[in-house]
N, C-alpha and C. Protein backbone atom coordinates (compact mmCIF):
# COMPACT_ATOMS: atom_id res chain seq x y z
N MET A 1 7.29 3.26 8.73
CA MET A 1 6.25 2.40 9.26
C MET A 1 6.75 1.67 10.49
N ALA A 2 8.00 1.21 10.44
CA ALA A 2 8.56 0.52 11.60
C ALA A 2 8.59 1.45 12.81
N ARG A 3 8.97 2.69 12.58
CA ARG A 3 9.02 3.66 13.67
C ARG A 3 7.62 3.89 14.24
N ALA A 4 6.63 4.03 13.35
CA ALA A 4 5.25 4.27 13.81
C ALA A 4 4.73 3.12 14.64
N ARG A 5 5.18 1.92 14.33
CA ARG A 5 4.75 0.76 15.10
C ARG A 5 5.61 0.50 16.33
N GLY A 6 6.62 1.33 16.54
CA GLY A 6 7.47 1.20 17.72
C GLY A 6 8.52 0.11 17.60
N PHE A 7 8.85 -0.31 16.39
CA PHE A 7 9.86 -1.34 16.19
C PHE A 7 11.24 -0.72 16.26
N GLU A 8 12.09 -1.26 17.07
CA GLU A 8 13.46 -0.78 17.20
C GLU A 8 14.33 -1.45 16.15
N PRO A 9 15.23 -0.68 15.50
CA PRO A 9 16.16 -1.29 14.54
C PRO A 9 16.89 -2.47 15.18
N GLY A 10 16.93 -3.56 14.42
CA GLY A 10 17.58 -4.77 14.90
C GLY A 10 16.65 -5.74 15.62
N SER A 11 15.45 -5.28 16.02
CA SER A 11 14.52 -6.17 16.71
C SER A 11 13.90 -7.15 15.70
N GLY A 12 13.34 -8.22 16.19
CA GLY A 12 12.69 -9.21 15.34
C GLY A 12 11.59 -8.62 14.47
N PRO A 13 10.64 -7.89 15.06
CA PRO A 13 9.58 -7.30 14.24
C PRO A 13 10.11 -6.30 13.20
N TYR A 14 11.12 -5.52 13.58
CA TYR A 14 11.72 -4.56 12.65
C TYR A 14 12.33 -5.30 11.46
N GLU A 15 13.10 -6.33 11.75
CA GLU A 15 13.75 -7.10 10.69
C GLU A 15 12.72 -7.81 9.80
N ALA A 16 11.64 -8.31 10.40
CA ALA A 16 10.60 -8.98 9.61
C ALA A 16 9.93 -8.00 8.65
N LEU A 17 9.65 -6.78 9.12
CA LEU A 17 9.05 -5.77 8.26
C LEU A 17 10.01 -5.37 7.15
N GLN A 18 11.27 -5.19 7.49
CA GLN A 18 12.28 -4.85 6.49
C GLN A 18 12.41 -5.96 5.44
N ARG A 19 12.42 -7.20 5.89
CA ARG A 19 12.54 -8.34 4.97
C ARG A 19 11.36 -8.36 4.00
N ARG A 20 10.16 -8.17 4.52
CA ARG A 20 8.98 -8.14 3.65
C ARG A 20 9.07 -7.00 2.65
N TYR A 21 9.53 -5.84 3.10
CA TYR A 21 9.66 -4.70 2.20
C TYR A 21 10.68 -5.00 1.10
N ARG A 22 11.82 -5.56 1.49
CA ARG A 22 12.85 -5.90 0.50
C ARG A 22 12.31 -6.91 -0.52
N GLU A 23 11.56 -7.90 -0.05
CA GLU A 23 10.97 -8.87 -0.97
C GLU A 23 10.00 -8.18 -1.93
N THR A 24 9.21 -7.26 -1.39
CA THR A 24 8.24 -6.54 -2.21
C THR A 24 8.94 -5.73 -3.29
N MET A 25 10.03 -5.10 -2.93
CA MET A 25 10.72 -4.20 -3.85
C MET A 25 11.84 -4.87 -4.64
N SER A 26 12.05 -6.16 -4.46
CA SER A 26 13.18 -6.83 -5.12
C SER A 26 13.13 -6.71 -6.64
N MET A 27 11.95 -6.73 -7.21
CA MET A 27 11.83 -6.63 -8.66
C MET A 27 12.24 -5.25 -9.16
N ALA A 28 12.14 -4.23 -8.31
CA ALA A 28 12.46 -2.86 -8.73
C ALA A 28 13.93 -2.51 -8.53
N ARG A 29 14.66 -3.37 -7.86
CA ARG A 29 16.05 -3.07 -7.50
C ARG A 29 16.90 -2.65 -8.70
N GLN A 30 16.69 -3.29 -9.84
CA GLN A 30 17.50 -2.97 -11.02
C GLN A 30 17.26 -1.55 -11.53
N PHE A 31 16.20 -0.90 -11.07
CA PHE A 31 15.87 0.45 -11.50
C PHE A 31 16.20 1.50 -10.44
N ALA A 32 16.77 1.07 -9.32
CA ALA A 32 17.10 1.96 -8.22
C ALA A 32 18.52 2.50 -8.36
N ASP A 33 18.81 3.54 -7.58
CA ASP A 33 20.15 4.11 -7.58
C ASP A 33 21.06 3.29 -6.66
N ALA A 34 22.30 3.72 -6.49
CA ALA A 34 23.28 2.98 -5.70
C ALA A 34 22.87 2.83 -4.23
N GLU A 35 22.02 3.74 -3.75
CA GLU A 35 21.54 3.68 -2.37
C GLU A 35 20.21 2.96 -2.27
N GLU A 36 19.83 2.28 -3.35
CA GLU A 36 18.59 1.51 -3.45
C GLU A 36 17.35 2.38 -3.29
N ARG A 37 17.43 3.63 -3.75
CA ARG A 37 16.27 4.51 -3.77
C ARG A 37 15.72 4.55 -5.19
N LEU A 38 14.43 4.60 -5.27
CA LEU A 38 13.74 4.60 -6.56
C LEU A 38 13.19 6.00 -6.81
N ASP A 39 13.83 6.72 -7.74
CA ASP A 39 13.31 8.05 -8.06
C ASP A 39 12.16 7.90 -9.06
N LEU A 40 11.56 9.01 -9.47
CA LEU A 40 10.40 8.94 -10.35
C LEU A 40 10.74 8.24 -11.66
N ALA A 41 11.88 8.57 -12.25
CA ALA A 41 12.27 7.93 -13.52
C ALA A 41 12.42 6.42 -13.34
N GLY A 42 13.07 6.00 -12.26
CA GLY A 42 13.22 4.58 -11.98
C GLY A 42 11.90 3.89 -11.75
N PHE A 43 11.00 4.57 -11.01
CA PHE A 43 9.67 4.05 -10.75
C PHE A 43 8.92 3.82 -12.06
N LEU A 44 8.96 4.82 -12.94
CA LEU A 44 8.27 4.69 -14.23
C LEU A 44 8.90 3.62 -15.11
N ASP A 45 10.23 3.55 -15.13
CA ASP A 45 10.92 2.51 -15.90
C ASP A 45 10.56 1.12 -15.36
N PHE A 46 10.50 0.99 -14.05
CA PHE A 46 10.13 -0.28 -13.42
C PHE A 46 8.74 -0.72 -13.86
N HIS A 47 7.78 0.20 -13.81
CA HIS A 47 6.41 -0.16 -14.19
C HIS A 47 6.29 -0.44 -15.68
N GLU A 48 7.02 0.27 -16.49
CA GLU A 48 7.01 -0.02 -17.93
C GLU A 48 7.58 -1.42 -18.18
N TRP A 49 8.67 -1.74 -17.50
CA TRP A 49 9.28 -3.06 -17.63
C TRP A 49 8.28 -4.15 -17.21
N MET A 50 7.62 -3.94 -16.07
CA MET A 50 6.66 -4.94 -15.58
C MET A 50 5.50 -5.12 -16.55
N LEU A 51 5.01 -4.02 -17.12
CA LEU A 51 3.89 -4.12 -18.05
C LEU A 51 4.25 -4.91 -19.30
N ASN A 52 5.52 -4.96 -19.62
CA ASN A 52 5.96 -5.69 -20.81
C ASN A 52 6.44 -7.10 -20.52
N MET A 53 6.38 -7.52 -19.27
CA MET A 53 6.80 -8.87 -18.88
C MET A 53 5.57 -9.66 -18.45
N PRO A 54 5.21 -10.70 -19.20
CA PRO A 54 4.03 -11.49 -18.83
C PRO A 54 4.10 -11.97 -17.37
N GLY A 55 3.07 -11.63 -16.62
CA GLY A 55 2.96 -12.07 -15.23
C GLY A 55 3.72 -11.24 -14.23
N ALA A 56 4.67 -10.43 -14.68
CA ALA A 56 5.50 -9.66 -13.75
C ALA A 56 4.68 -8.62 -13.00
N TYR A 57 3.79 -7.93 -13.69
CA TYR A 57 3.02 -6.89 -13.03
C TYR A 57 2.10 -7.50 -11.98
N GLN A 58 1.45 -8.60 -12.33
CA GLN A 58 0.56 -9.25 -11.36
C GLN A 58 1.36 -9.71 -10.14
N LEU A 59 2.56 -10.25 -10.36
CA LEU A 59 3.40 -10.68 -9.24
C LEU A 59 3.80 -9.49 -8.39
N GLY A 60 4.17 -8.39 -9.03
CA GLY A 60 4.55 -7.19 -8.29
C GLY A 60 3.41 -6.66 -7.46
N VAL A 61 2.21 -6.62 -8.01
CA VAL A 61 1.04 -6.14 -7.29
C VAL A 61 0.69 -7.08 -6.15
N GLN A 62 0.81 -8.39 -6.39
CA GLN A 62 0.53 -9.36 -5.34
C GLN A 62 1.50 -9.17 -4.17
N ARG A 63 2.78 -8.98 -4.48
CA ARG A 63 3.77 -8.76 -3.42
C ARG A 63 3.46 -7.47 -2.65
N LEU A 64 3.07 -6.43 -3.37
CA LEU A 64 2.74 -5.18 -2.70
C LEU A 64 1.52 -5.35 -1.79
N ALA A 65 0.51 -6.07 -2.26
CA ALA A 65 -0.68 -6.32 -1.44
C ALA A 65 -0.31 -7.07 -0.17
N GLU A 66 0.56 -8.05 -0.29
CA GLU A 66 1.01 -8.80 0.89
C GLU A 66 1.72 -7.88 1.87
N PHE A 67 2.61 -7.04 1.34
CA PHE A 67 3.35 -6.14 2.22
C PHE A 67 2.43 -5.14 2.90
N VAL A 68 1.54 -4.53 2.15
CA VAL A 68 0.63 -3.54 2.72
C VAL A 68 -0.19 -4.18 3.84
N PHE A 69 -0.72 -5.37 3.61
CA PHE A 69 -1.52 -6.01 4.64
C PHE A 69 -0.67 -6.32 5.87
N TYR A 70 0.51 -6.87 5.65
CA TYR A 70 1.40 -7.19 6.77
C TYR A 70 1.76 -5.93 7.56
N ALA A 71 2.06 -4.85 6.84
CA ALA A 71 2.45 -3.60 7.49
C ALA A 71 1.29 -3.01 8.30
N LEU A 72 0.07 -3.16 7.81
CA LEU A 72 -1.08 -2.57 8.49
C LEU A 72 -1.60 -3.42 9.65
N ASP A 73 -1.52 -4.72 9.53
CA ASP A 73 -2.09 -5.61 10.54
C ASP A 73 -1.16 -5.69 11.74
N GLN A 74 -1.21 -4.67 12.56
CA GLN A 74 -0.27 -4.52 13.66
C GLN A 74 -0.28 -5.68 14.65
N ASP A 75 -1.46 -6.17 14.98
CA ASP A 75 -1.53 -7.24 15.99
C ASP A 75 -1.52 -8.64 15.38
N GLY A 76 -1.45 -8.72 14.05
CA GLY A 76 -1.34 -10.02 13.38
C GLY A 76 -2.57 -10.89 13.46
N ASP A 77 -3.75 -10.28 13.67
CA ASP A 77 -4.97 -11.07 13.81
C ASP A 77 -5.68 -11.35 12.49
N GLY A 78 -5.08 -10.92 11.38
CA GLY A 78 -5.69 -11.18 10.07
C GLY A 78 -6.72 -10.15 9.65
N GLU A 79 -6.84 -9.08 10.43
CA GLU A 79 -7.77 -7.99 10.12
C GLU A 79 -7.06 -6.66 10.36
N VAL A 80 -7.34 -5.70 9.51
CA VAL A 80 -6.80 -4.35 9.69
C VAL A 80 -7.95 -3.46 10.13
N THR A 81 -7.84 -2.95 11.35
CA THR A 81 -8.88 -2.07 11.89
C THR A 81 -8.62 -0.63 11.45
N MET A 82 -9.60 0.23 11.69
CA MET A 82 -9.42 1.65 11.39
C MET A 82 -8.24 2.22 12.17
N GLU A 83 -8.08 1.80 13.42
CA GLU A 83 -6.97 2.31 14.23
C GLU A 83 -5.63 1.90 13.62
N GLU A 84 -5.52 0.67 13.15
CA GLU A 84 -4.27 0.22 12.53
C GLU A 84 -4.01 0.99 11.23
N ALA A 85 -5.04 1.17 10.44
CA ALA A 85 -4.89 1.93 9.19
C ALA A 85 -4.56 3.38 9.47
N ARG A 86 -5.19 3.95 10.51
CA ARG A 86 -4.93 5.34 10.87
C ARG A 86 -3.45 5.54 11.17
N MET A 87 -2.84 4.60 11.87
CA MET A 87 -1.42 4.71 12.19
C MET A 87 -0.59 4.76 10.91
N PHE A 88 -0.91 3.91 9.96
CA PHE A 88 -0.20 3.89 8.67
C PHE A 88 -0.36 5.22 7.94
N TYR A 89 -1.60 5.69 7.83
CA TYR A 89 -1.85 6.91 7.09
C TYR A 89 -1.26 8.15 7.75
N THR A 90 -1.36 8.24 9.06
CA THR A 90 -0.78 9.40 9.73
C THR A 90 0.75 9.36 9.67
N ALA A 91 1.33 8.17 9.68
CA ALA A 91 2.79 8.05 9.53
C ALA A 91 3.23 8.53 8.15
N HIS A 92 2.30 8.52 7.20
CA HIS A 92 2.60 8.96 5.83
C HIS A 92 2.04 10.36 5.54
N GLY A 93 1.71 11.12 6.60
CA GLY A 93 1.39 12.52 6.43
C GLY A 93 -0.07 12.91 6.37
N LEU A 94 -0.99 11.96 6.47
CA LEU A 94 -2.41 12.33 6.47
C LEU A 94 -2.83 12.70 7.89
N ASP A 95 -3.74 13.66 8.01
CA ASP A 95 -4.28 13.96 9.33
C ASP A 95 -5.28 12.86 9.71
N GLN A 96 -5.67 12.82 10.97
CA GLN A 96 -6.53 11.74 11.47
C GLN A 96 -7.86 11.66 10.72
N GLN A 97 -8.50 12.79 10.47
CA GLN A 97 -9.80 12.77 9.80
C GLN A 97 -9.67 12.24 8.38
N THR A 98 -8.65 12.68 7.66
CA THR A 98 -8.44 12.19 6.29
C THR A 98 -8.10 10.71 6.31
N ALA A 99 -7.32 10.29 7.29
CA ALA A 99 -7.00 8.86 7.42
C ALA A 99 -8.27 8.04 7.64
N ASP A 100 -9.15 8.52 8.53
CA ASP A 100 -10.40 7.81 8.80
C ASP A 100 -11.31 7.79 7.58
N ASP A 101 -11.38 8.92 6.86
CA ASP A 101 -12.19 8.98 5.63
C ASP A 101 -11.66 8.01 4.58
N THR A 102 -10.34 7.94 4.47
CA THR A 102 -9.71 7.03 3.51
C THR A 102 -10.05 5.59 3.85
N PHE A 103 -9.93 5.25 5.13
CA PHE A 103 -10.25 3.88 5.54
C PHE A 103 -11.71 3.54 5.23
N ALA A 104 -12.61 4.48 5.51
CA ALA A 104 -14.04 4.24 5.24
C ALA A 104 -14.27 3.95 3.76
N ARG A 105 -13.51 4.58 2.89
CA ARG A 105 -13.67 4.36 1.44
C ARG A 105 -13.14 3.00 0.99
N ILE A 106 -12.10 2.50 1.67
CA ILE A 106 -11.52 1.22 1.22
C ILE A 106 -12.06 0.01 1.97
N ASP A 107 -12.84 0.23 3.02
CA ASP A 107 -13.48 -0.87 3.75
C ASP A 107 -14.69 -1.31 2.90
N LEU A 108 -14.43 -2.23 1.98
CA LEU A 108 -15.41 -2.57 0.95
C LEU A 108 -16.75 -3.04 1.49
N ASP A 109 -16.75 -3.83 2.55
CA ASP A 109 -18.03 -4.34 3.07
C ASP A 109 -18.52 -3.56 4.30
N ARG A 110 -17.84 -2.48 4.62
CA ARG A 110 -18.25 -1.56 5.69
C ARG A 110 -18.43 -2.24 7.05
N ASP A 111 -17.56 -3.21 7.34
CA ASP A 111 -17.68 -3.91 8.62
C ASP A 111 -16.68 -3.41 9.66
N GLY A 112 -15.91 -2.38 9.34
CA GLY A 112 -14.99 -1.79 10.30
C GLY A 112 -13.58 -2.35 10.28
N PHE A 113 -13.31 -3.29 9.39
CA PHE A 113 -11.94 -3.81 9.26
C PHE A 113 -11.74 -4.33 7.84
N LEU A 114 -10.47 -4.45 7.47
CA LEU A 114 -10.11 -5.00 6.17
C LEU A 114 -9.60 -6.42 6.35
N THR A 115 -10.07 -7.31 5.53
CA THR A 115 -9.52 -8.66 5.48
C THR A 115 -8.40 -8.67 4.45
N HIS A 116 -7.67 -9.76 4.42
CA HIS A 116 -6.61 -9.90 3.41
C HIS A 116 -7.20 -9.81 2.01
N ALA A 117 -8.36 -10.42 1.81
CA ALA A 117 -9.00 -10.39 0.49
C ALA A 117 -9.38 -8.96 0.09
N GLU A 118 -9.92 -8.19 1.04
CA GLU A 118 -10.26 -6.80 0.75
C GLU A 118 -9.02 -5.99 0.39
N ALA A 119 -7.96 -6.17 1.16
CA ALA A 119 -6.71 -5.44 0.89
C ALA A 119 -6.17 -5.79 -0.48
N THR A 120 -6.23 -7.06 -0.85
CA THR A 120 -5.77 -7.49 -2.17
C THR A 120 -6.64 -6.86 -3.26
N ASP A 121 -7.95 -6.84 -3.05
CA ASP A 121 -8.86 -6.20 -4.02
C ASP A 121 -8.54 -4.72 -4.19
N ILE A 122 -8.29 -4.03 -3.08
CA ILE A 122 -8.01 -2.60 -3.12
C ILE A 122 -6.71 -2.33 -3.88
N VAL A 123 -5.66 -3.08 -3.57
CA VAL A 123 -4.38 -2.89 -4.26
C VAL A 123 -4.53 -3.21 -5.74
N THR A 124 -5.27 -4.27 -6.06
CA THR A 124 -5.49 -4.64 -7.47
C THR A 124 -6.26 -3.54 -8.19
N GLN A 125 -7.29 -3.00 -7.55
CA GLN A 125 -8.04 -1.89 -8.15
C GLN A 125 -7.12 -0.70 -8.41
N PHE A 126 -6.30 -0.38 -7.44
CA PHE A 126 -5.40 0.77 -7.56
C PHE A 126 -4.53 0.64 -8.82
N PHE A 127 -4.01 -0.55 -9.06
CA PHE A 127 -3.09 -0.73 -10.18
C PHE A 127 -3.75 -1.08 -11.51
N PHE A 128 -4.90 -1.74 -11.47
CA PHE A 128 -5.44 -2.28 -12.72
C PHE A 128 -6.74 -1.65 -13.21
N SER A 129 -7.49 -0.97 -12.35
CA SER A 129 -8.77 -0.45 -12.78
C SER A 129 -8.61 0.87 -13.55
N SER A 130 -9.40 1.01 -14.59
CA SER A 130 -9.43 2.28 -15.31
C SER A 130 -10.63 3.13 -14.87
N ASP A 131 -11.41 2.63 -13.91
CA ASP A 131 -12.57 3.34 -13.39
C ASP A 131 -12.12 4.30 -12.29
N PRO A 132 -12.27 5.61 -12.48
CA PRO A 132 -11.81 6.56 -11.46
C PRO A 132 -12.61 6.50 -10.16
N GLN A 133 -13.73 5.81 -10.14
CA GLN A 133 -14.58 5.75 -8.94
C GLN A 133 -14.30 4.56 -8.03
N VAL A 134 -13.42 3.65 -8.42
CA VAL A 134 -13.20 2.46 -7.58
C VAL A 134 -12.55 2.86 -6.25
N PRO A 135 -12.92 2.19 -5.17
CA PRO A 135 -12.33 2.49 -3.87
C PRO A 135 -10.81 2.35 -3.84
N GLY A 136 -10.25 1.48 -4.67
CA GLY A 136 -8.81 1.28 -4.68
C GLY A 136 -8.02 2.53 -4.99
N ASN A 137 -8.65 3.50 -5.64
CA ASN A 137 -7.95 4.76 -5.91
C ASN A 137 -7.65 5.53 -4.63
N TRP A 138 -8.24 5.12 -3.53
CA TRP A 138 -8.01 5.75 -2.23
C TRP A 138 -6.99 5.00 -1.39
N LEU A 139 -6.32 4.00 -1.95
CA LEU A 139 -5.38 3.18 -1.19
C LEU A 139 -4.38 4.03 -0.41
N PHE A 140 -3.84 5.06 -1.03
CA PHE A 140 -2.83 5.89 -0.37
C PHE A 140 -3.38 7.25 0.04
N GLY A 141 -4.70 7.35 0.14
CA GLY A 141 -5.32 8.60 0.54
C GLY A 141 -5.85 9.35 -0.66
N PRO A 142 -6.34 10.57 -0.41
CA PRO A 142 -6.97 11.33 -1.49
C PRO A 142 -5.94 11.90 -2.48
N PHE A 143 -6.35 11.93 -3.72
CA PHE A 143 -5.60 12.60 -4.77
C PHE A 143 -6.55 13.61 -5.37
N ALA A 144 -6.04 14.74 -5.77
CA ALA A 144 -6.90 15.82 -6.29
C ALA A 144 -7.78 15.32 -7.43
N ALA A 145 -7.21 14.51 -8.34
CA ALA A 145 -7.99 14.02 -9.47
C ALA A 145 -9.12 13.09 -9.01
N VAL A 146 -8.86 12.30 -8.00
CA VAL A 146 -9.89 11.39 -7.47
C VAL A 146 -10.98 12.21 -6.81
N GLU A 147 -10.58 13.19 -5.98
CA GLU A 147 -11.57 14.01 -5.29
C GLU A 147 -12.43 14.78 -6.28
N ALA A 148 -11.83 15.34 -7.31
CA ALA A 148 -12.58 16.12 -8.30
C ALA A 148 -13.57 15.25 -9.04
N SER A 149 -13.19 14.01 -9.36
CA SER A 149 -14.10 13.13 -10.10
C SER A 149 -15.22 12.59 -9.23
N ALA A 150 -15.05 12.65 -7.90
CA ALA A 150 -16.07 12.14 -6.99
C ALA A 150 -17.13 13.18 -6.68
N GLU A 151 -16.86 14.44 -7.05
CA GLU A 151 -17.84 15.48 -6.76
C GLU A 151 -19.00 15.41 -7.73
N PRO A 152 -20.24 15.72 -7.25
CA PRO A 152 -21.40 15.66 -8.14
C PRO A 152 -21.38 16.71 -9.22
């Protein structure tokens, strides 16, 4: 993400993004390997641990929502535009059309940008909703199971 935004290692914006990411992932550190990478087993162990700790899962999701919004809001104006979201999604392997379609699904009020509240709602839906139709299931783009359930 830092590379996609043009942040050079060691620069202020690069370090700020890294700091936010480390804060977001600090709760998962105990489940990571020596290089601080979280494999699938560690990821699942982390989420199981959080689900069994009162308030931990909500705190983890809140931190993730903060990080996602900060990472997406490139100009810091408190809104994430389609262009800003497109940069995030294409940096993570989605093509431009899929990135735009994904943004359209998560823009809850269809006004062309995401507010902090919308981003928090989307992240919360992604982690807490059991409804396969909620827009939050599109937070990280399309998944085959989501696409199949959305077909008539």
